[in-house]
Amino acid sequence: MRPWILSEINYGFVKDCPYEVAVLPTGATEPHNLHLPYGTDTFQATEIASRACEAAWDLGARVVMLPPIPYGTETNQARFPLSMNLHPSTLQTILRDLLGSLSNSGIKKLLILNSHGGNEFKPMLRELVNQTPCKMFLCDWFRGISADVQADIFDEPGDHAGEMETALGLAFFREFVATDRDGAIIADDGAVKSTRFDAVNQGWISITRPWHLLTSNTGSGNPHPARAEKGHKLMEVLVDRISQFLVELAASDVDEQFPF
């Protein structure tokens, strides 16, 4: 039994454990080029969250990892089979209900550990902030918290099923990564098409991208330079940074000036 993972513990333990912080891993169910499993985002979120919670627990923080949400917003990938969509409004309703359960349990602090770019939680947090006593925090691990080290670890991290996600797959769920007999990844090179608008291609204007037109096999970014050791290096950074935050968060009182 790992006492920081809710799905593994029992009421006999929970009723006497004063949990201070909940961590909610969020992922998606969608294709990732030809080689990574549909559960890639959920596997990543679960691995990162469980390891960060373990490290924080070992430092004295009473944190609990909730079961992951394995579905996310898939409107961009709607044309691909079995991309299982939750609209943002549905995801927000789920989050609101879970916040109610946490509040009823006396847990006042929540970290959402998100692994899917289509899950835009910040607008949801802005709407829910005055509807719950639970203080909410968000970590999109593939953005700010790892942005400064990605260039040092990877040739080109990629946007979706590229080198970074493939490296994590090779490191932590290799049995689900498609390779040939020589161990080479079975995937295309993740090339993406440009739109007809220069401002969009430059990033000056944004759109919701129709993935079936943007990509050949849903991949955005070249996965072939990926190596398991690169995934392990990234995980070390993520676990260290997230666990330190969880320790600080667990020790912080929720008062009128929180989080300042």
Protein backbone atom coordinates (compact mmCIF):
# COMPACT_ATOMS: atom_id res chain seq x y z
CA MET A 1 0.00 0.00 0.00
CA ARG A 2 1.25 3.43 -0.97
CA PRO A 3 -0.46 5.89 1.40
CA TRP A 4 -0.21 8.76 -1.06
CA ILE A 5 -2.36 6.98 -3.69
CA LEU A 6 -6.07 7.03 -2.88
CA SER A 7 -7.00 4.06 -5.06
CA GLU A 8 -4.63 1.80 -3.09
CA ILE A 9 -5.55 2.71 0.48
CA ASN A 10 -8.52 1.82 2.67
CA TYR A 11 -10.87 3.66 4.98
CA GLY A 12 -9.11 2.24 8.00
CA PHE A 13 -6.08 4.29 6.98
CA VAL A 14 -7.84 7.33 5.53
CA LYS A 15 -10.01 8.08 8.57
CA ASP A 16 -6.93 8.61 10.73
CA CYS A 17 -4.72 10.40 8.17
CA PRO A 18 -4.91 14.21 8.08
CA TYR A 19 -4.37 14.75 4.37
CA GLU A 20 -3.46 18.34 3.55
CA VAL A 21 -3.19 18.43 -0.26
CA ALA A 22 -4.88 16.51 -3.06
CA VAL A 23 -3.26 16.01 -6.47
CA LEU A 24 -5.50 15.33 -9.46
CA PRO A 25 -3.76 13.90 -12.56
CA THR A 26 -5.60 14.71 -15.78
CA GLY A 27 -4.93 13.19 -19.17
CA ALA A 28 -6.75 12.20 -22.33
CA THR A 29 -7.65 9.25 -24.54
CA GLU A 30 -6.43 10.00 -28.06
CA PRO A 31 -4.03 8.75 -30.76
CA HIS A 32 -0.35 9.70 -30.51
CA ASN A 33 1.19 9.13 -33.95
CA LEU A 34 1.51 5.44 -34.85
CA HIS A 35 3.65 4.34 -31.92
CA LEU A 36 2.36 5.69 -28.60
CA PRO A 37 -0.75 4.37 -26.83
CA TYR A 38 -4.04 6.20 -26.57
CA GLY A 39 -3.46 6.46 -22.83
CA THR A 40 -0.16 8.32 -23.19
CA ASP A 41 -1.28 11.55 -21.49
CA THR A 42 -2.93 9.69 -18.63
CA PHE A 43 0.08 7.40 -18.15
CA GLN A 44 2.37 10.44 -18.04
CA ALA A 45 0.21 12.35 -15.58
CA THR A 46 -0.06 9.32 -13.31
CA GLU A 47 3.68 8.58 -13.34
CA ILE A 48 4.62 12.19 -12.63
CA ALA A 49 1.98 12.71 -9.95
CA SER A 50 2.63 9.43 -8.11
CA ARG A 51 6.38 9.99 -8.00
CA ALA A 52 6.03 13.61 -6.92
CA CYS A 53 3.56 12.64 -4.19
CA GLU A 54 5.89 9.91 -2.98
CA ALA A 55 8.80 12.34 -2.75
CA ALA A 56 6.64 14.89 -0.92
CA TRP A 57 5.29 12.22 1.45
CA ASP A 58 8.83 11.14 2.29
CA LEU A 59 9.53 14.77 3.26
CA GLY A 60 6.57 14.80 5.64
CA ALA A 61 3.81 16.28 3.48
CA ARG A 62 0.47 14.52 3.76
CA VAL A 63 -0.52 14.49 0.12
CA VAL A 64 -2.95 12.20 -1.68
CA MET A 65 -3.09 11.45 -5.39
CA LEU A 66 -6.64 11.10 -6.65
CA PRO A 67 -7.46 8.60 -9.43
CA PRO A 68 -6.65 10.24 -12.78
CA ILE A 69 -9.25 11.62 -15.16
CA PRO A 70 -8.46 9.68 -18.36
CA TYR A 71 -10.56 11.84 -20.71
CA GLY A 72 -10.02 15.37 -21.99
CA THR A 73 -11.11 17.86 -24.61
CA GLU A 74 -10.67 16.27 -28.03
CA THR A 75 -12.53 18.58 -30.40
CA ASN A 76 -9.35 19.09 -32.46
CA GLN A 77 -9.01 15.33 -32.96
CA ALA A 78 -12.69 14.58 -33.50
CA ARG A 79 -12.05 13.04 -36.93
CA PHE A 80 -9.81 10.29 -35.51
CA PRO A 81 -11.45 7.10 -34.21
CA LEU A 82 -11.83 6.70 -30.46
CA SER A 83 -10.62 10.16 -29.54
CA MET A 84 -12.81 10.31 -26.47
CA ASN A 85 -14.02 13.86 -25.96
CA LEU A 86 -15.17 15.79 -22.90
CA HIS A 87 -16.21 19.33 -23.77
CA PRO A 88 -14.65 22.00 -21.55
CA SER A 89 -18.01 22.64 -19.89
CA THR A 90 -18.28 18.93 -19.03
CA LEU A 91 -14.75 18.85 -17.65
CA GLN A 92 -15.54 21.91 -15.56
CA THR A 93 -18.63 20.21 -14.12
CA ILE A 94 -16.56 17.17 -13.18
CA LEU A 95 -13.98 19.39 -11.51
CA ARG A 96 -16.68 21.29 -9.61
CA ASP A 97 -18.14 18.04 -8.27
CA LEU A 98 -14.74 16.74 -7.20
CA LEU A 99 -13.99 20.02 -5.43
CA GLY A 100 -17.18 19.51 -3.45
CA SER A 101 -15.99 16.08 -2.35
CA LEU A 102 -12.61 17.46 -1.30
CA SER A 103 -14.23 20.28 0.66
CA ASN A 104 -16.53 17.80 2.42
CA SER A 105 -13.41 15.83 3.35
CA GLY A 106 -11.69 18.86 4.85
CA ILE A 107 -9.01 19.11 2.15
CA LYS A 108 -8.49 22.76 1.30
CA LYS A 109 -5.74 22.57 -1.33
CA LEU A 110 -5.70 20.95 -4.77
CA LEU A 111 -3.03 20.67 -7.45
CA ILE A 112 -4.24 19.73 -10.93
CA LEU A 113 -1.38 17.92 -12.69
CA ASN A 114 -2.38 18.19 -16.34
CA SER A 115 -0.82 16.22 -19.18
CA HIS A 116 -3.06 17.17 -22.11
CA GLY A 117 -2.71 20.41 -24.06
CA GLY A 118 -6.40 20.42 -24.98
CA ASN A 119 -7.41 20.68 -21.32
CA GLU A 120 -7.57 24.42 -20.69
CA PHE A 121 -8.08 24.55 -16.94
CA LYS A 122 -7.18 28.18 -16.22
CA PRO A 123 -10.58 29.60 -17.34
CA MET A 124 -12.27 26.92 -15.22
CA LEU A 125 -10.26 27.90 -12.15
CA ARG A 126 -11.23 31.53 -12.70
CA GLU A 127 -14.92 30.57 -12.73
CA LEU A 128 -14.75 28.14 -9.83
CA VAL A 129 -12.52 30.14 -7.51
CA ASN A 130 -15.43 31.79 -5.68
CA GLN A 131 -17.54 28.63 -5.62
CA THR A 132 -15.30 26.50 -3.41
CA PRO A 133 -13.23 26.92 -0.25
CA CYS A 134 -10.61 24.66 -1.83
CA LYS A 135 -7.57 26.56 -3.12
CA MET A 136 -6.67 25.43 -6.62
CA PHE A 137 -3.31 25.25 -8.36
CA LEU A 138 -2.49 24.12 -11.89
CA CYS A 139 0.61 22.50 -13.36
CA ASP A 140 0.76 21.78 -17.08
CA TRP A 141 4.00 19.83 -16.78
CA PHE A 142 4.88 20.20 -20.47
CA ARG A 143 4.86 23.99 -20.20
CA GLY A 144 6.39 26.31 -17.62
CA ILE A 145 7.74 23.90 -15.02
CA SER A 146 9.92 22.06 -17.53
CA ALA A 147 10.35 24.69 -20.25
CA ASP A 148 13.84 25.78 -19.14
CA VAL A 149 15.32 22.26 -19.30
CA GLN A 150 13.64 20.83 -22.39
CA ALA A 151 16.20 22.30 -24.79
CA ASP A 152 19.02 20.80 -22.73
CA ILE A 153 17.51 17.30 -22.76
CA PHE A 154 15.89 17.01 -26.18
CA ASP A 155 16.87 17.75 -29.76
CA GLU A 156 13.33 19.08 -30.30
CA PRO A 157 10.66 18.27 -27.68
CA GLY A 158 7.77 18.31 -30.16
CA ASP A 159 4.14 19.23 -29.68
CA HIS A 160 2.33 15.88 -29.68
CA ALA A 161 3.90 12.39 -29.70
CA GLY A 162 7.27 13.97 -30.47
CA GLU A 163 10.62 13.31 -28.85
CA MET A 164 9.67 14.37 -25.32
CA GLU A 165 6.50 12.31 -25.01
CA THR A 166 8.14 9.35 -26.72
CA ALA A 167 11.10 9.49 -24.34
CA LEU A 168 8.74 9.35 -21.36
CA GLY A 169 6.97 6.43 -22.99
CA LEU A 170 10.22 4.55 -23.51
CA ALA A 171 11.23 5.23 -19.92
CA PHE A 172 7.98 4.47 -18.09
CA PHE A 173 5.57 2.47 -20.27
CA ARG A 174 7.82 0.97 -22.91
CA GLU A 175 5.63 -2.13 -23.25
CA PHE A 176 3.02 0.03 -24.98
CA VAL A 177 5.39 1.78 -27.43
CA ALA A 178 5.40 0.28 -30.94
CA THR A 179 8.91 -0.65 -32.09
CA ASP A 180 10.35 -3.03 -34.65
CA ARG A 181 12.62 -6.01 -33.89
CA ASP A 182 15.64 -3.71 -33.74
CA GLY A 183 13.96 -1.40 -31.25
CA ALA A 184 13.31 1.40 -33.74
CA ILE A 185 10.14 3.39 -33.19
CA ILE A 186 7.37 2.66 -35.68
CA ALA A 187 6.10 6.14 -36.52
CA ASP A 188 6.26 8.86 -39.13
CA ASP A 189 8.40 11.96 -38.59
CA GLY A 190 5.61 14.06 -37.10
CA ALA A 191 5.70 16.73 -39.80
CA VAL A 192 2.86 19.28 -39.71
CA LYS A 193 1.33 21.41 -42.45
CA SER A 194 1.26 25.17 -42.54
CA THR A 195 -2.02 27.04 -42.87
CA ARG A 196 -2.66 29.47 -45.71
CA PHE A 197 -2.33 32.38 -43.24
CA ASP A 198 1.13 33.70 -42.43
CA ALA A 199 -0.07 35.30 -39.20
CA VAL A 200 -1.26 31.91 -37.94
CA ASN A 201 1.97 30.20 -39.01
CA GLN A 202 3.98 32.90 -37.20
CA GLY A 203 1.95 32.43 -34.04
CA TRP A 204 0.52 35.94 -34.11
CA ILE A 205 -3.00 34.60 -34.52
CA SER A 206 -4.26 31.41 -32.90
CA ILE A 207 -6.90 28.91 -33.95
CA THR A 208 -8.28 25.57 -32.83
CA ARG A 209 -6.33 23.29 -35.10
CA PRO A 210 -8.12 20.59 -37.13
CA TRP A 211 -5.68 17.79 -36.40
CA HIS A 212 -6.69 15.63 -39.37
CA LEU A 213 -5.56 18.44 -41.70
CA LEU A 214 -2.54 19.48 -39.65
CA THR A 215 -0.89 16.04 -39.37
CA SER A 216 -0.53 12.74 -41.22
CA ASN A 217 -1.00 10.34 -38.29
CA THR A 218 -1.71 12.74 -35.39
CA GLY A 219 1.98 13.26 -34.56
CA SER A 220 3.45 16.74 -34.25
CA GLY A 221 7.19 16.54 -33.70
CA ASN A 222 9.81 13.98 -34.64
CA PRO A 223 9.85 11.05 -32.16
CA HIS A 224 12.85 9.20 -33.56
CA PRO A 225 15.64 10.84 -31.49
CA ALA A 226 13.82 9.83 -28.29
CA ARG A 227 15.70 7.72 -25.75
CA ALA A 228 14.57 6.36 -22.40
CA GLU A 229 17.39 8.12 -20.56
CA LYS A 230 16.04 11.46 -21.75
CA GLY A 231 12.67 10.59 -20.24
CA HIS A 232 14.33 9.72 -16.94
CA LYS A 233 16.21 13.04 -16.90
CA LEU A 234 13.02 14.98 -17.45
CA MET A 235 11.19 12.99 -14.78
CA GLU A 236 13.89 13.81 -12.22
CA VAL A 237 13.37 17.52 -12.81
CA LEU A 238 9.59 17.28 -12.69
CA VAL A 239 9.49 15.22 -9.52
CA ASP A 240 11.95 17.47 -7.72
CA ARG A 241 10.14 20.68 -8.60
CA ILE A 242 6.60 19.45 -8.06
CA SER A 243 7.37 17.63 -4.81
CA GLN A 244 9.06 20.70 -3.34
CA PHE A 245 5.99 22.73 -4.17
CA LEU A 246 3.72 20.13 -2.58
CA VAL A 247 5.77 20.23 0.62
CA GLU A 248 5.47 24.03 0.77
CA LEU A 249 1.77 23.89 -0.04
CA ALA A 250 1.04 21.29 2.63
CA ALA A 251 2.82 23.38 5.27
CA SER A 252 1.01 26.61 4.36
CA ASP A 253 -2.03 27.69 6.37
CA VAL A 254 -5.12 28.75 4.45
CA ASP A 255 -5.78 32.19 5.92
CA GLU A 256 -7.23 35.45 4.59
CA GLN A 257 -3.97 36.35 2.86
CA PHE A 258 -3.41 32.98 1.21
CA PRO A 259 -1.41 32.45 -1.03
CA PHE A 260 0.46 35.65 -0.18
